[in-house]
Protein backbone atom coordinates (compact mmCIF):
# COMPACT_ATOMS: atom_id res chain seq x y z
CA UNK A 1 -14.53 62.07 -139.53
CA UNK A 2 -15.12 63.91 -142.83
CA UNK A 3 -14.89 60.70 -144.87
CA UNK A 4 -17.62 58.98 -142.82
CA UNK A 5 -19.85 62.05 -143.18
CA UNK A 6 -19.23 62.13 -146.91
CA UNK A 7 -20.01 58.40 -147.17
CA UNK A 8 -23.23 58.93 -145.23
CA UNK A 9 -24.26 61.81 -147.51
CA UNK A 10 -23.49 59.72 -150.61
CA UNK A 11 -25.46 56.75 -149.24
CA UNK A 12 -28.43 58.96 -148.39
CA UNK A 13 -28.31 60.58 -151.85
CA UNK A 14 -28.29 57.18 -153.53
CA UNK A 15 -31.23 56.04 -151.40
CA UNK A 16 -33.20 59.21 -152.16
CA UNK A 17 -32.64 58.83 -155.91
CA UNK A 18 -33.76 55.18 -155.74
CA UNK A 19 -37.09 56.03 -154.09
CA UNK A 20 -39.96 56.11 -156.57
CA UNK A 21 -41.58 59.40 -157.41
CA UNK A 22 -45.33 59.77 -156.75
CA UNK A 23 -46.11 59.05 -160.40
CA UNK A 24 -44.09 55.85 -160.18
CA UNK A 25 -46.11 54.79 -157.13
CA UNK A 26 -49.46 55.07 -158.90
CA UNK A 27 -49.06 54.72 -162.66
CA UNK A 28 -52.15 54.54 -164.79
CA UNK A 29 -52.56 51.18 -166.37
CA UNK A 30 -53.72 50.49 -169.89
CA UNK A 31 -55.61 53.09 -171.88
CA UNK A 32 -57.18 56.22 -170.37
CA UNK A 33 -60.50 57.67 -171.56
CA UNK A 34 -62.13 60.93 -170.52
CA UNK A 35 -65.89 61.56 -170.53
CA UNK A 36 -67.57 61.65 -173.93
CA UNK A 37 -70.50 63.53 -172.37
CA UNK A 38 -71.08 65.42 -169.14
CA UNK A 39 -74.50 66.88 -168.45
CA UNK A 40 -76.91 67.21 -165.55
CA UNK A 41 -80.61 67.05 -164.80
CA UNK A 42 -82.16 69.60 -162.45
CA UNK A 43 -85.46 69.23 -160.58
CA UNK A 44 -85.99 73.01 -160.62
CA UNK A 45 -86.23 72.92 -164.45
CA UNK A 46 -87.54 69.36 -164.89
CA UNK A 47 -88.24 69.52 -168.62
CA UNK A 48 -85.06 71.36 -169.66
CA UNK A 49 -81.94 69.67 -171.04
CA UNK A 50 -78.63 71.49 -170.70
CA UNK A 51 -76.63 69.56 -173.31
CA UNK A 52 -72.93 68.81 -172.96
CA UNK A 53 -71.11 70.80 -170.26
CA UNK A 54 -67.50 70.82 -169.04
CA UNK A 55 -68.14 70.47 -165.30
CA UNK A 56 -69.60 68.05 -162.78
CA UNK A 57 -72.38 69.62 -160.71
CA UNK A 58 -74.52 68.02 -158.02
CA UNK A 59 -76.64 69.69 -155.36
CA UNK A 60 -79.43 69.03 -152.91
CA UNK A 61 -81.56 70.89 -150.38
CA UNK A 62 -84.10 69.58 -147.88
CA UNK A 63 -87.47 69.58 -149.62
CA UNK A 64 -86.00 71.72 -152.38
CA UNK A 65 -84.56 71.30 -155.88
CA UNK A 66 -81.61 69.08 -156.63
CA UNK A 67 -79.21 68.48 -159.50
CA UNK A 68 -77.70 65.15 -160.58
CA UNK A 69 -74.69 64.98 -162.90
CA UNK A 70 -74.67 62.46 -165.74
CA UNK A 71 -71.39 61.20 -167.21
CA UNK A 72 -70.91 58.92 -170.23
CA UNK A 73 -67.80 57.21 -171.53
CA UNK A 74 -67.82 55.86 -175.10
CA UNK A 75 -65.50 52.87 -175.01
CA UNK A 76 -63.78 51.87 -178.28
CA UNK A 77 -64.55 48.52 -179.88
CA UNK A 78 -61.96 45.97 -178.87
CA UNK A 79 -61.62 47.18 -175.28
CA UNK A 80 -61.70 44.01 -173.24
CA UNK A 81 -61.54 43.10 -169.61
CA UNK A 82 -62.33 45.51 -166.83
CA UNK A 83 -63.14 49.21 -167.25
CA UNK A 84 -62.15 51.11 -164.12
CA UNK A 85 -63.78 54.44 -163.15
CA UNK A 86 -61.30 56.75 -161.40
CA UNK A 87 -61.11 60.33 -160.19
CA UNK A 88 -58.31 62.76 -159.49
CA UNK A 89 -58.11 66.35 -158.35
CA UNK A 90 -55.09 68.58 -158.88
CA UNK A 91 -53.67 70.10 -155.69
CA UNK A 92 -54.96 73.49 -156.90
CA UNK A 93 -58.28 72.25 -158.34
CA UNK A 94 -61.15 74.73 -158.07
CA UNK A 95 -63.81 72.76 -156.21
CA UNK A 96 -67.01 74.41 -154.99
CA UNK A 97 -68.22 72.46 -151.98
CA UNK A 98 -70.82 73.61 -149.50
CA UNK A 99 -72.30 71.40 -146.82
CA UNK A 100 -70.91 68.90 -144.33
CA UNK A 101 -68.46 67.04 -146.63
CA UNK A 102 -67.25 66.82 -150.20
CA UNK A 103 -68.48 63.30 -150.93
CA UNK A 104 -70.46 62.33 -153.99
CA UNK A 105 -72.19 59.03 -154.67
CA UNK A 106 -71.80 57.35 -158.04
CA UNK A 107 -74.57 55.14 -159.45
CA UNK A 108 -74.66 53.20 -162.68
CA UNK A 109 -77.25 54.25 -165.24
CA UNK A 110 -79.70 51.65 -166.48
CA UNK A 111 -79.25 52.92 -170.02
CA UNK A 112 -77.14 55.45 -171.89
CA UNK A 113 -77.22 59.08 -170.77
CA UNK A 114 -77.69 61.67 -173.52
CA UNK A 115 -77.23 65.43 -173.82
CA UNK A 116 -81.00 65.67 -174.30
CA UNK A 117 -81.84 64.13 -170.90
CA UNK A 118 -84.11 66.06 -168.56
CA UNK A 119 -85.11 65.47 -164.96
CA UNK A 120 -88.37 63.95 -166.21
CA UNK A 121 -86.76 61.97 -169.03
CA UNK A 122 -83.47 60.19 -168.33
CA UNK A 123 -82.36 56.58 -167.87
CA UNK A 124 -83.26 54.95 -164.57
CA UNK A 125 -80.69 55.12 -161.79
CA UNK A 126 -79.07 51.70 -161.41
CA UNK A 127 -76.91 50.34 -158.62
CA UNK A 128 -74.71 52.24 -156.23
CA UNK A 129 -71.21 52.06 -157.71
CA UNK A 130 -68.92 53.98 -155.35
CA UNK A 131 -67.92 57.28 -153.78
CA UNK A 132 -65.94 60.32 -154.95
CA UNK A 133 -64.16 62.44 -152.33
CA UNK A 134 -63.89 65.81 -154.08
CA UNK A 135 -60.80 67.13 -152.29
CA UNK A 136 -57.78 68.92 -153.72
CA UNK A 137 -54.93 66.47 -154.32
CA UNK A 138 -57.22 63.43 -154.00
CA UNK A 139 -57.26 60.47 -156.36
CA UNK A 140 -58.77 56.98 -156.20
CA UNK A 141 -60.56 54.25 -158.07
CA UNK A 142 -64.35 54.37 -157.71
CA UNK A 143 -65.01 50.82 -158.95
CA UNK A 144 -64.62 48.58 -161.99
CA UNK A 145 -66.89 46.58 -164.27
CA UNK A 146 -66.73 44.76 -167.57
CA UNK A 147 -66.14 47.04 -170.53
CA UNK A 148 -69.10 47.85 -172.80
CA UNK A 149 -69.40 50.19 -175.78
CA UNK A 150 -70.93 52.88 -173.56
CA UNK A 151 -70.74 53.25 -169.77
CA UNK A 152 -72.97 55.82 -168.07
CA UNK A 153 -73.02 57.06 -164.47
CA UNK A 154 -75.01 59.38 -162.23
CA UNK A 155 -73.09 61.53 -159.74
CA UNK A 156 -75.01 63.05 -156.83
CA UNK A 157 -74.63 64.29 -153.29
CA UNK A 158 -75.30 61.87 -150.43
CA UNK A 159 -78.09 64.03 -149.11
CA UNK A 160 -80.30 63.46 -152.15
CA UNK A 161 -81.27 60.08 -150.72
CA UNK A 162 -81.79 61.56 -147.24
CA UNK A 163 -84.19 64.31 -148.32
CA UNK A 164 -87.29 62.37 -147.29
CA UNK A 165 -86.22 62.63 -143.65
CA UNK A 166 -86.07 66.44 -143.89
CA UNK A 167 -82.89 66.45 -141.82
CA UNK A 168 -80.29 66.67 -144.58
CA UNK A 169 -78.43 69.99 -144.96
CA UNK A 170 -78.20 71.83 -148.27
CA UNK A 171 -75.17 70.77 -150.27
CA UNK A 172 -73.49 71.66 -153.56
CA UNK A 173 -70.37 70.17 -155.12
CA UNK A 174 -69.09 71.40 -158.46
CA UNK A 175 -65.77 71.14 -160.29
CA UNK A 176 -64.50 71.57 -163.83
CA UNK A 177 -63.55 68.45 -165.77
CA UNK A 178 -59.98 69.17 -166.90
CA UNK A 179 -58.79 66.06 -168.68
CA UNK A 180 -55.48 64.84 -167.30
CA UNK A 181 -55.60 66.83 -164.04
CA UNK A 182 -59.06 67.09 -162.48
CA UNK A 183 -62.21 65.02 -162.73
CA UNK A 184 -63.26 61.57 -163.84
CA UNK A 185 -61.49 59.15 -166.16
CA UNK A 186 -61.82 55.54 -167.20
CA UNK A 187 -59.02 53.05 -167.71
CA UNK A 188 -59.09 49.70 -169.45
CA UNK A 189 -56.59 47.10 -170.62
CA UNK A 190 -54.88 46.78 -167.27
């Protein structure tokens, strides 16, 4: 009886050691880049630039001011193939989220975002690119596109596009960009 129990324990131990760890299940491919610039434009101070900041901040309010984050990645020469925008949040990430959900929309920028951008003077918002779910422990790929020397994105709350209806609730989502644990990153060479 003891030998069959011991064999079962040994078999279970071998199986457990053979199972991949979470990092083995989702390894990062290729080369990882972190934002070269993070800034935001704010409709309440439409002619003010805030320069480079270390956090993503987006907010909206019905018929009130809103803030749109701008993120730029400077991609090294020689990066070929697809550049993939990703996000991850540590299980203990400090995320400020008010409103009905913690979702952010990502749009491409029709130009390169700069630290001198203002609400009245920034590149045009391009195409919808994907969604970020700003939740502790979350991670996913937003989307991918061909690599270019500079890739710029706008990050905003869903409600910013619903403001004209007057029915959208106020919403704020903010988190620190902590390279390697929380925020946005780009991969290429996969």
